[in-house]
Amino acid sequence: MRRQLALLVAAPLSLSLMAPLAIAQTGNSKEPSTQATDALQNIRFTTKSKFILMPVFDKTGTSAQYGSAGGTVSTTNEFATEVLNDALRQSGATTISWFKVNAAMNKKFGQDGLNRADLTNDMFIPDLVNVAKTMGVKYIVRPAVLNIDTQSSTETSINPAGFIPIFGMFAGATKTTNKKSATVTLKVDIISVAADDIIGTARFEGAVREKKESTPFGGYSFDTSAYAGGGMNGDAKAAMYDAIDKAVDFIASKVN
């Protein structure tokens, strides 16, 4: 009788000691699967085809649009080129480095040494397609920035009902509204090397908009100095990231 009671008491105890161990083992068994899922979340390309990403052209209409072989200075957005290339590679696409592509293009035209030219403009795309075939490339991505717009404004309003007496005078209750925005439009053409033609084209808009208000009892200010000079400020770059992310999804949908 005593032996049976001992067994009954020991059974729940042994189960209670084993349960945490079983739970821990179950949790550990899921970790590799979770890690694999996290690693694949950014993979958008399933194709193993090779890509040539042309430098991102500046087609905003504010500067020259032709390569040096075409007579003027080529205008490209180097920031957008770097970010787009990095986004494609991180998403699983295989892109051929542009320095290899440009070297092959110069060799095709007999350019070497200091005589090498910038062959990135549109008039050389047929030659680029021929070079792509020799490199085993299936698609050429031609991106262009169509618009970069940044704006900022400050508005101050006074509420007459909010006047308060200070040293025998009245100070109005003011409200300051600061606004700033950035918009980028990116156009992407996908050229099939086999078809020697464009198989997909689309425009993508990236935008950043902010609005803040202040009163006499609490203030702040935007740093708008970046809007005064040339180049892309932080807001324009953030808008560019937004547009590029949408463009990568579009490219993946067309080639997968």
C-alpha atoms as a PDB file:
ATOM      1  CA  MET A   1       0.000   0.000   0.000  1.00  0.00           C
ATOM      2  CA  ARG A   2       2.770   2.419   0.937  1.00  0.00           C
ATOM      3  CA  ARG A   3       4.647   1.498  -2.242  1.00  0.00           C
ATOM      4  CA  GLN A   4       1.584   2.294  -4.394  1.00  0.00           C
ATOM      5  CA  LEU A   5       1.165   5.680  -2.692  1.00  0.00           C
ATOM      6  CA  ALA A   6       4.842   6.477  -3.291  1.00  0.00           C
ATOM      7  CA  LEU A   7       4.496   5.707  -6.971  1.00  0.00           C
ATOM      8  CA  LEU A   8       1.390   7.898  -7.257  1.00  0.00           C
ATOM      9  CA  VAL A   9       3.162  10.827  -5.592  1.00  0.00           C
ATOM     10  CA  ALA A  10       6.332  10.386  -7.662  1.00  0.00           C
ATOM     11  CA  ALA A  11       4.495  10.243 -11.010  1.00  0.00           C
ATOM     12  CA  PRO A  12       3.138  13.838 -11.042  1.00  0.00           C
ATOM     13  CA  LEU A  13       6.453  15.065  -9.699  1.00  0.00           C
ATOM     14  CA  SER A  14       8.445  13.407 -12.474  1.00  0.00           C
ATOM     15  CA  LEU A  15       6.021  14.718 -15.121  1.00  0.00           C
ATOM     16  CA  SER A  16       6.270  18.251 -13.749  1.00  0.00           C
ATOM     17  CA  LEU A  17      10.070  18.077 -13.923  1.00  0.00           C
ATOM     18  CA  MET A  18      10.042  16.744 -17.485  1.00  0.00           C
ATOM     19  CA  ALA A  19       7.468  19.231 -18.862  1.00  0.00           C
ATOM     20  CA  PRO A  20       9.761  22.295 -18.848  1.00  0.00           C
ATOM     21  CA  LEU A  21      12.465  20.228 -20.555  1.00  0.00           C
ATOM     22  CA  ALA A  22      10.030  19.176 -23.280  1.00  0.00           C
ATOM     23  CA  ILE A  23       8.877  22.779 -23.764  1.00  0.00           C
ATOM     24  CA  ALA A  24      12.476  23.982 -23.972  1.00  0.00           C
ATOM     25  CA  GLN A  25      13.320  21.331 -26.538  1.00  0.00           C
ATOM     26  CA  THR A  26      10.263  22.257 -28.592  1.00  0.00           C
ATOM     27  CA  GLY A  27      11.227  25.933 -28.508  1.00  0.00           C
ATOM     28  CA  ASN A  28      14.792  25.197 -29.618  1.00  0.00           C
ATOM     29  CA  SER A  29      13.577  23.047 -32.496  1.00  0.00           C
ATOM     30  CA  LYS A  30      11.689  26.026 -33.944  1.00  0.00           C
ATOM     31  CA  GLU A  31      14.604  28.438 -33.843  1.00  0.00           C
ATOM     32  CA  PRO A  32      16.290  27.314 -37.116  1.00  0.00           C
ATOM     33  CA  SER A  33      12.969  27.514 -38.954  1.00  0.00           C
ATOM     34  CA  THR A  34      12.312  31.012 -37.599  1.00  0.00           C
ATOM     35  CA  GLN A  35      15.807  32.140 -38.528  1.00  0.00           C
ATOM     36  CA  ALA A  36      15.398  30.761 -42.041  1.00  0.00           C
ATOM     37  CA  THR A  37      12.105  32.612 -42.431  1.00  0.00           C
ATOM     38  CA  ASP A  38      13.700  35.868 -41.276  1.00  0.00           C
ATOM     39  CA  ALA A  39      16.572  35.382 -43.735  1.00  0.00           C
ATOM     40  CA  LEU A  40      14.163  34.870 -46.643  1.00  0.00           C
ATOM     41  CA  GLN A  41      11.850  37.771 -45.895  1.00  0.00           C
ATOM     42  CA  ASN A  42      13.862  40.140 -48.123  1.00  0.00           C
ATOM     43  CA  ILE A  43      14.324  37.657 -50.998  1.00  0.00           C
ATOM     44  CA  ARG A  44      12.043  38.758 -53.835  1.00  0.00           C
ATOM     45  CA  PHE A  45      13.836  37.267 -56.851  1.00  0.00           C
ATOM     46  CA  THR A  46      13.522  33.561 -57.570  1.00  0.00           C
ATOM     47  CA  THR A  47      15.110  33.733 -61.035  1.00  0.00           C
ATOM     48  CA  LYS A  48      18.812  32.962 -61.441  1.00  0.00           C
ATOM     49  CA  SER A  49      19.050  35.155 -64.538  1.00  0.00           C
ATOM     50  CA  LYS A  50      21.733  37.846 -64.683  1.00  0.00           C
ATOM     51  CA  PHE A  51      20.923  41.547 -64.868  1.00  0.00           C
ATOM     52  CA  ILE A  52      22.687  44.640 -66.103  1.00  0.00           C
ATOM     53  CA  LEU A  53      21.613  47.693 -64.134  1.00  0.00           C
ATOM     54  CA  MET A  54      22.321  50.839 -66.090  1.00  0.00           C
ATOM     55  CA  PRO A  55      23.282  53.937 -64.057  1.00  0.00           C
ATOM     56  CA  VAL A  56      20.206  55.898 -62.993  1.00  0.00           C
ATOM     57  CA  PHE A  57      19.731  58.729 -65.493  1.00  0.00           C
ATOM     58  CA  ASP A  58      18.728  62.230 -64.419  1.00  0.00           C
ATOM     59  CA  LYS A  59      15.808  63.021 -66.731  1.00  0.00           C
ATOM     60  CA  THR A  60      14.418  65.896 -64.675  1.00  0.00           C
ATOM     61  CA  GLY A  61      15.097  68.295 -67.552  1.00  0.00           C
ATOM     62  CA  THR A  62      17.506  70.436 -65.561  1.00  0.00           C
ATOM     63  CA  SER A  63      20.796  69.376 -67.178  1.00  0.00           C
ATOM     64  CA  ALA A  64      22.475  67.650 -70.130  1.00  0.00           C
ATOM     65  CA  GLN A  65      21.319  64.130 -70.878  1.00  0.00           C
ATOM     66  CA  TYR A  66      24.021  62.698 -73.139  1.00  0.00           C
ATOM     67  CA  GLY A  67      27.199  60.735 -72.462  1.00  0.00           C
ATOM     68  CA  SER A  68      30.661  62.046 -73.323  1.00  0.00           C
ATOM     69  CA  ALA A  69      30.663  60.040 -76.541  1.00  0.00           C
ATOM     70  CA  GLY A  70      27.527  61.978 -77.418  1.00  0.00           C
ATOM     71  CA  GLY A  71      29.205  65.327 -76.961  1.00  0.00           C
ATOM     72  CA  THR A  72      28.338  66.462 -73.418  1.00  0.00           C
ATOM     73  CA  VAL A  73      28.623  65.337 -69.813  1.00  0.00           C
ATOM     74  CA  SER A  74      26.448  62.422 -68.718  1.00  0.00           C
ATOM     75  CA  THR A  75      24.126  63.257 -65.854  1.00  0.00           C
ATOM     76  CA  THR A  76      23.398  60.338 -63.559  1.00  0.00           C
ATOM     77  CA  ASN A  77      22.135  60.120 -60.014  1.00  0.00           C
ATOM     78  CA  GLU A  78      24.930  58.198 -58.305  1.00  0.00           C
ATOM     79  CA  PHE A  79      23.082  57.944 -54.991  1.00  0.00           C
ATOM     80  CA  ALA A  80      20.052  56.327 -56.637  1.00  0.00           C
ATOM     81  CA  THR A  81      22.318  54.029 -58.674  1.00  0.00           C
ATOM     82  CA  GLU A  82      24.081  52.720 -55.569  1.00  0.00           C
ATOM     83  CA  VAL A  83      20.871  52.247 -53.581  1.00  0.00           C
ATOM     84  CA  LEU A  84      19.011  50.524 -56.441  1.00  0.00           C
ATOM     85  CA  ASN A  85      21.902  48.155 -57.164  1.00  0.00           C
ATOM     86  CA  ASP A  86      22.195  47.293 -53.473  1.00  0.00           C
ATOM     87  CA  ALA A  87      18.419  46.753 -53.185  1.00  0.00           C
ATOM     88  CA  LEU A  88      18.399  44.389 -56.180  1.00  0.00           C
ATOM     89  CA  ARG A  89      21.301  42.332 -54.854  1.00  0.00           C
ATOM     90  CA  GLN A  90      19.875  42.114 -51.338  1.00  0.00           C
ATOM     91  CA  SER A  91      16.594  40.928 -52.859  1.00  0.00           C
ATOM     92  CA  GLY A  92      18.327  37.994 -54.541  1.00  0.00           C
ATOM     93  CA  ALA A  93      19.058  39.381 -58.032  1.00  0.00           C
ATOM     94  CA  THR A  94      22.431  38.858 -59.716  1.00  0.00           C
ATOM     95  CA  THR A  95      23.673  42.094 -61.260  1.00  0.00           C
ATOM     96  CA  ILE A  96      26.827  42.457 -63.359  1.00  0.00           C
ATOM     97  CA  SER A  97      29.076  45.233 -62.061  1.00  0.00           C
ATOM     98  CA  TRP A  98      28.836  48.273 -64.308  1.00  0.00           C
ATOM     99  CA  PHE A  99      32.609  48.709 -64.493  1.00  0.00           C
ATOM    100  CA  LYS A 100      32.787  45.304 -66.214  1.00  0.00           C
ATOM    101  CA  VAL A 101      29.976  46.272 -68.570  1.00  0.00           C
ATOM    102  CA  ASN A 102      31.501  49.642 -69.446  1.00  0.00           C
ATOM    103  CA  ALA A 103      34.913  48.012 -69.977  1.00  0.00           C
ATOM    104  CA  ALA A 104      33.348  45.543 -72.433  1.00  0.00           C
ATOM    105  CA  MET A 105      31.566  48.412 -74.188  1.00  0.00           C
ATOM    106  CA  ASN A 106      34.792  50.407 -74.550  1.00  0.00           C
ATOM    107  CA  LYS A 107      36.574  47.335 -75.887  1.00  0.00           C
ATOM    108  CA  LYS A 108      33.827  46.920 -78.463  1.00  0.00           C
ATOM    109  CA  PHE A 109      34.440  50.475 -79.700  1.00  0.00           C
ATOM    110  CA  GLY A 110      38.228  50.201 -79.516  1.00  0.00           C
ATOM    111  CA  GLN A 111      38.531  52.618 -76.604  1.00  0.00           C
ATOM    112  CA  ASP A 112      41.320  52.069 -74.071  1.00  0.00           C
ATOM    113  CA  GLY A 113      43.555  53.929 -71.667  1.00  0.00           C
ATOM    114  CA  LEU A 114      42.645  57.579 -71.178  1.00  0.00           C
ATOM    115  CA  ASN A 115      40.555  57.525 -74.337  1.00  0.00           C
ATOM    116  CA  ARG A 116      37.799  55.485 -72.682  1.00  0.00           C
ATOM    117  CA  ALA A 117      34.374  57.114 -72.904  1.00  0.00           C
ATOM    118  CA  ASP A 118      31.208  57.148 -70.833  1.00  0.00           C
ATOM    119  CA  LEU A 119      28.870  54.969 -72.888  1.00  0.00           C
ATOM    120  CA  THR A 120      25.836  55.133 -70.609  1.00  0.00           C
ATOM    121  CA  ASN A 121      23.406  57.117 -72.740  1.00  0.00           C
ATOM    122  CA  ASP A 122      20.453  55.720 -74.654  1.00  0.00           C
ATOM    123  CA  MET A 123      22.020  55.781 -78.126  1.00  0.00           C
ATOM    124  CA  PHE A 124      24.316  52.902 -77.100  1.00  0.00           C
ATOM    125  CA  ILE A 125      21.564  50.579 -75.800  1.00  0.00           C
ATOM    126  CA  PRO A 126      21.594  48.403 -78.988  1.00  0.00           C
ATOM    127  CA  ASP A 127      25.337  47.887 -78.481  1.00  0.00           C
ATOM    128  CA  LEU A 128      24.730  47.219 -74.785  1.00  0.00           C
ATOM    129  CA  VAL A 129      22.256  44.478 -75.723  1.00  0.00           C
ATOM    130  CA  ASN A 130      24.914  42.811 -77.909  1.00  0.00           C
ATOM    131  CA  VAL A 131      27.471  42.990 -75.089  1.00  0.00           C
ATOM    132  CA  ALA A 132      24.889  41.599 -72.662  1.00  0.00           C
ATOM    133  CA  LYS A 133      24.471  38.513 -74.859  1.00  0.00           C
ATOM    134  CA  THR A 134      28.205  37.754 -74.622  1.00  0.00           C
ATOM    135  CA  MET A 135      28.022  38.055 -70.817  1.00  0.00           C
ATOM    136  CA  GLY A 136      25.072  35.689 -70.416  1.00  0.00           C
ATOM    137  CA  VAL A 137      22.745  38.489 -69.281  1.00  0.00           C
ATOM    138  CA  LYS A 138      19.001  38.092 -69.716  1.00  0.00           C
ATOM    139  CA  TYR A 139      17.658  41.481 -68.630  1.00  0.00           C
ATOM    140  CA  ILE A 140      18.798  45.109 -68.709  1.00  0.00           C
ATOM    141  CA  VAL A 141      17.233  47.518 -66.224  1.00  0.00           C
ATOM    142  CA  ARG A 142      17.134  51.141 -67.365  1.00  0.00           C
ATOM    143  CA  PRO A 143      16.110  53.497 -64.526  1.00  0.00           C
ATOM    144  CA  ALA A 144      15.583  57.256 -64.786  1.00  0.00           C
ATOM    145  CA  VAL A 145      14.668  59.955 -62.281  1.00  0.00           C
ATOM    146  CA  LEU A 146      11.886  62.091 -63.749  1.00  0.00           C
ATOM    147  CA  ASN A 147      11.296  64.404 -60.814  1.00  0.00           C
ATOM    148  CA  ILE A 148      12.836  65.458 -57.510  1.00  0.00           C
ATOM    149  CA  ASP A 149      10.841  68.071 -55.647  1.00  0.00           C
ATOM    150  CA  THR A 150      11.444  69.403 -52.124  1.00  0.00           C
ATOM    151  CA  GLN A 151       9.425  72.127 -50.408  1.00  0.00           C
ATOM    152  CA  SER A 152       9.242  73.768 -47.003  1.00  0.00           C
ATOM    153  CA  SER A 153       7.027  76.484 -45.576  1.00  0.00           C
ATOM    154  CA  THR A 154       6.317  78.273 -42.286  1.00  0.00           C
ATOM    155  CA  GLU A 155       2.969  79.823 -41.383  1.00  0.00           C
ATOM    156  CA  THR A 156       2.298  81.897 -38.273  1.00  0.00           C
ATOM    157  CA  SER A 157      -1.221  82.702 -37.103  1.00  0.00           C
ATOM    158  CA  ILE A 158      -2.418  84.854 -34.171  1.00  0.00           C
ATOM    159  CA  ASN A 159      -5.508  84.050 -32.131  1.00  0.00           C
ATOM    160  CA  PRO A 160      -7.054  87.359 -30.872  1.00  0.00           C
ATOM    161  CA  ALA A 161      -9.033  85.479 -28.233  1.00  0.00           C
ATOM    162  CA  GLY A 162      -5.797  84.267 -26.770  1.00  0.00           C
ATOM    163  CA  PHE A 163      -4.307  87.658 -25.849  1.00  0.00           C
ATOM    164  CA  ILE A 164      -2.821  87.704 -22.354  1.00  0.00           C
ATOM    165  CA  PRO A 165      -1.685  90.781 -20.315  1.00  0.00           C
ATOM    166  CA  ILE A 166       2.072  91.080 -19.773  1.00  0.00           C
ATOM    167  CA  PHE A 167       3.496  94.194 -18.036  1.00  0.00           C
ATOM    168  CA  GLY A 168       0.494  96.319 -18.967  1.00  0.00           C
ATOM    169  CA  MET A 169       0.597  95.161 -22.607  1.00  0.00           C
ATOM    170  CA  PHE A 170      -1.033  92.301 -24.431  1.00  0.00           C
ATOM    171  CA  ALA A 171       0.806  89.429 -26.041  1.00  0.00           C
ATOM    172  CA  GLY A 172      -1.024  87.435 -28.676  1.00  0.00           C
ATOM    173  CA  ALA A 173      -1.206  83.659 -28.617  1.00  0.00           C
ATOM    174  CA  THR A 174       0.514  82.585 -31.824  1.00  0.00           C
ATOM    175  CA  LYS A 175       0.688  79.230 -33.542  1.00  0.00           C
ATOM    176  CA  THR A 176       3.463  78.354 -35.968  1.00  0.00           C
ATOM    177  CA  THR A 177       3.013  75.579 -38.524  1.00  0.00           C
ATOM    178  CA  ASN A 178       6.070  74.217 -40.280  1.00  0.00           C
ATOM    179  CA  LYS A 179       5.649  71.961 -43.289  1.00  0.00           C
ATOM    180  CA  LYS A 180       8.161  70.194 -45.485  1.00  0.00           C
ATOM    181  CA  SER A 181       7.851  67.543 -48.142  1.00  0.00           C
ATOM    182  CA  ALA A 182       9.888  65.649 -50.706  1.00  0.00           C
ATOM    183  CA  THR A 183       8.635  63.787 -53.762  1.00  0.00           C
ATOM    184  CA  VAL A 184      10.624  61.616 -56.161  1.00  0.00           C
ATOM    185  CA  THR A 185       9.391  60.015 -59.387  1.00  0.00           C
ATOM    186  CA  LEU A 186      11.416  57.071 -60.666  1.00  0.00           C
ATOM    187  CA  LYS A 187      10.791  55.406 -64.052  1.00  0.00           C
ATOM    188  CA  VAL A 188      12.041  51.877 -64.757  1.00  0.00           C
ATOM    189  CA  ASP A 189      12.283  50.093 -68.116  1.00  0.00           C
ATOM    190  CA  ILE A 190      13.035  46.361 -68.260  1.00  0.00           C
ATOM    191  CA  ILE A 191      14.721  45.309 -71.507  1.00  0.00           C
ATOM    192  CA  SER A 192      14.742  41.658 -72.531  1.00  0.00           C
ATOM    193  CA  VAL A 193      18.073  40.792 -74.163  1.00  0.00           C
ATOM    194  CA  ALA A 194      16.516  37.843 -76.026  1.00  0.00           C
ATOM    195  CA  ALA A 195      13.587  39.906 -77.339  1.00  0.00           C
ATOM    196  CA  ASP A 196      15.767  43.010 -77.869  1.00  0.00           C
ATOM    197  CA  ASP A 197      12.876  45.123 -76.634  1.00  0.00           C
ATOM    198  CA  ILE A 198      11.252  46.610 -73.543  1.00  0.00           C
ATOM    199  CA  ILE A 199       9.021  44.086 -71.774  1.00  0.00           C
ATOM    200  CA  GLY A 200       7.922  46.270 -68.863  1.00  0.00           C
ATOM    201  CA  THR A 201       7.880  49.915 -67.870  1.00  0.00           C
ATOM    202  CA  ALA A 202       6.384  51.768 -64.903  1.00  0.00           C
ATOM    203  CA  ARG A 203       6.686  54.899 -62.784  1.00  0.00           C
ATOM    204  CA  PHE A 204       7.012  54.942 -59.017  1.00  0.00           C
ATOM    205  CA  GLU A 205       6.542  57.829 -56.637  1.00  0.00           C
ATOM    206  CA  GLY A 206       8.272  58.073 -53.290  1.00  0.00           C
ATOM    207  CA  ALA A 207       7.160  60.754 -50.867  1.00  0.00           C
ATOM    208  CA  VAL A 208       7.971  62.134 -47.427  1.00  0.00           C
ATOM    209  CA  ARG A 209       5.663  64.687 -45.804  1.00  0.00           C
ATOM    210  CA  GLU A 210       5.937  66.254 -42.350  1.00  0.00           C
ATOM    211  CA  LYS A 211       3.900  68.852 -40.489  1.00  0.00           C
ATOM    212  CA  LYS A 212       4.551  70.248 -37.024  1.00  0.00           C
ATOM    213  CA  GLU A 213       2.907  72.957 -34.957  1.00  0.00           C
ATOM    214  CA  SER A 214       4.192  75.041 -32.057  1.00  0.00           C
ATOM    215  CA  THR A 215       2.730  77.539 -29.580  1.00  0.00           C
ATOM    216  CA  PRO A 216       4.326  80.296 -27.451  1.00  0.00           C
ATOM    217  CA  PHE A 217       4.728  77.740 -24.686  1.00  0.00           C
ATOM    218  CA  GLY A 218       6.695  75.224 -26.737  1.00  0.00           C
ATOM    219  CA  GLY A 219       8.699  75.686 -29.887  1.00  0.00           C
ATOM    220  CA  TYR A 220      10.840  73.855 -32.407  1.00  0.00           C
ATOM    221  CA  SER A 221      12.268  74.467 -35.866  1.00  0.00           C
ATOM    222  CA  PHE A 222      13.118  72.509 -38.983  1.00  0.00           C
ATOM    223  CA  ASP A 223      16.599  72.700 -40.421  1.00  0.00           C
ATOM    224  CA  THR A 224      15.765  73.901 -43.927  1.00  0.00           C
ATOM    225  CA  SER A 225      19.306  74.836 -44.960  1.00  0.00           C
ATOM    226  CA  ALA A 226      19.505  71.739 -47.142  1.00  0.00           C
ATOM    227  CA  TYR A 227      16.750  73.127 -49.344  1.00  0.00           C
ATOM    228  CA  ALA A 228      18.826  76.153 -50.330  1.00  0.00           C
ATOM    229  CA  GLY A 229      21.622  74.391 -52.229  1.00  0.00           C
ATOM    230  CA  GLY A 230      22.002  71.690 -54.859  1.00  0.00           C
ATOM    231  CA  GLY A 231      22.012  67.947 -54.348  1.00  0.00           C
ATOM    232  CA  MET A 232      19.587  65.718 -52.485  1.00  0.00           C
ATOM    233  CA  ASN A 233      18.748  66.441 -48.864  1.00  0.00           C
ATOM    234  CA  GLY A 234      17.745  63.832 -46.302  1.00  0.00           C
ATOM    235  CA  ASP A 235      14.027  64.011 -47.150  1.00  0.00           C
ATOM    236  CA  ALA A 236      14.660  63.584 -50.883  1.00  0.00           C
ATOM    237  CA  LYS A 237      16.870  60.581 -50.174  1.00  0.00           C
ATOM    238  CA  ALA A 238      14.164  59.043 -47.989  1.00  0.00           C
ATOM    239  CA  ALA A 239      11.642  59.555 -50.803  1.00  0.00           C
ATOM    240  CA  MET A 240      14.099  57.927 -53.216  1.00  0.00           C
ATOM    241  CA  TYR A 241      14.354  54.864 -50.943  1.00  0.00           C
ATOM    242  CA  ASP A 242      10.553  54.639 -51.001  1.00  0.00           C
ATOM    243  CA  ALA A 243      10.390  54.784 -54.811  1.00  0.00           C
ATOM    244  CA  ILE A 244      13.239  52.271 -55.241  1.00  0.00           C
ATOM    245  CA  ASP A 245      11.567  49.748 -52.924  1.00  0.00           C
ATOM    246  CA  LYS A 246       8.436  49.845 -55.107  1.00  0.00           C
ATOM    247  CA  ALA A 247      10.555  49.562 -58.261  1.00  0.00           C
ATOM    248  CA  VAL A 248      12.313  46.412 -57.001  1.00  0.00           C
ATOM    249  CA  ASP A 249       8.938  44.748 -56.409  1.00  0.00           C
ATOM    250  CA  PHE A 250       7.905  45.622 -59.978  1.00  0.00           C
ATOM    251  CA  ILE A 251      11.129  44.253 -61.491  1.00  0.00           C
ATOM    252  CA  ALA A 252      10.805  41.011 -59.530  1.00  0.00           C
ATOM    253  CA  SER A 253       7.193  40.574 -60.664  1.00  0.00           C
ATOM    254  CA  LYS A 254       8.221  40.857 -64.326  1.00  0.00           C
ATOM    255  CA  VAL A 255      11.207  38.505 -64.362  1.00  0.00           C
ATOM    256  CA  ASN A 256      10.401  35.766 -61.831  1.00  0.00           C
END
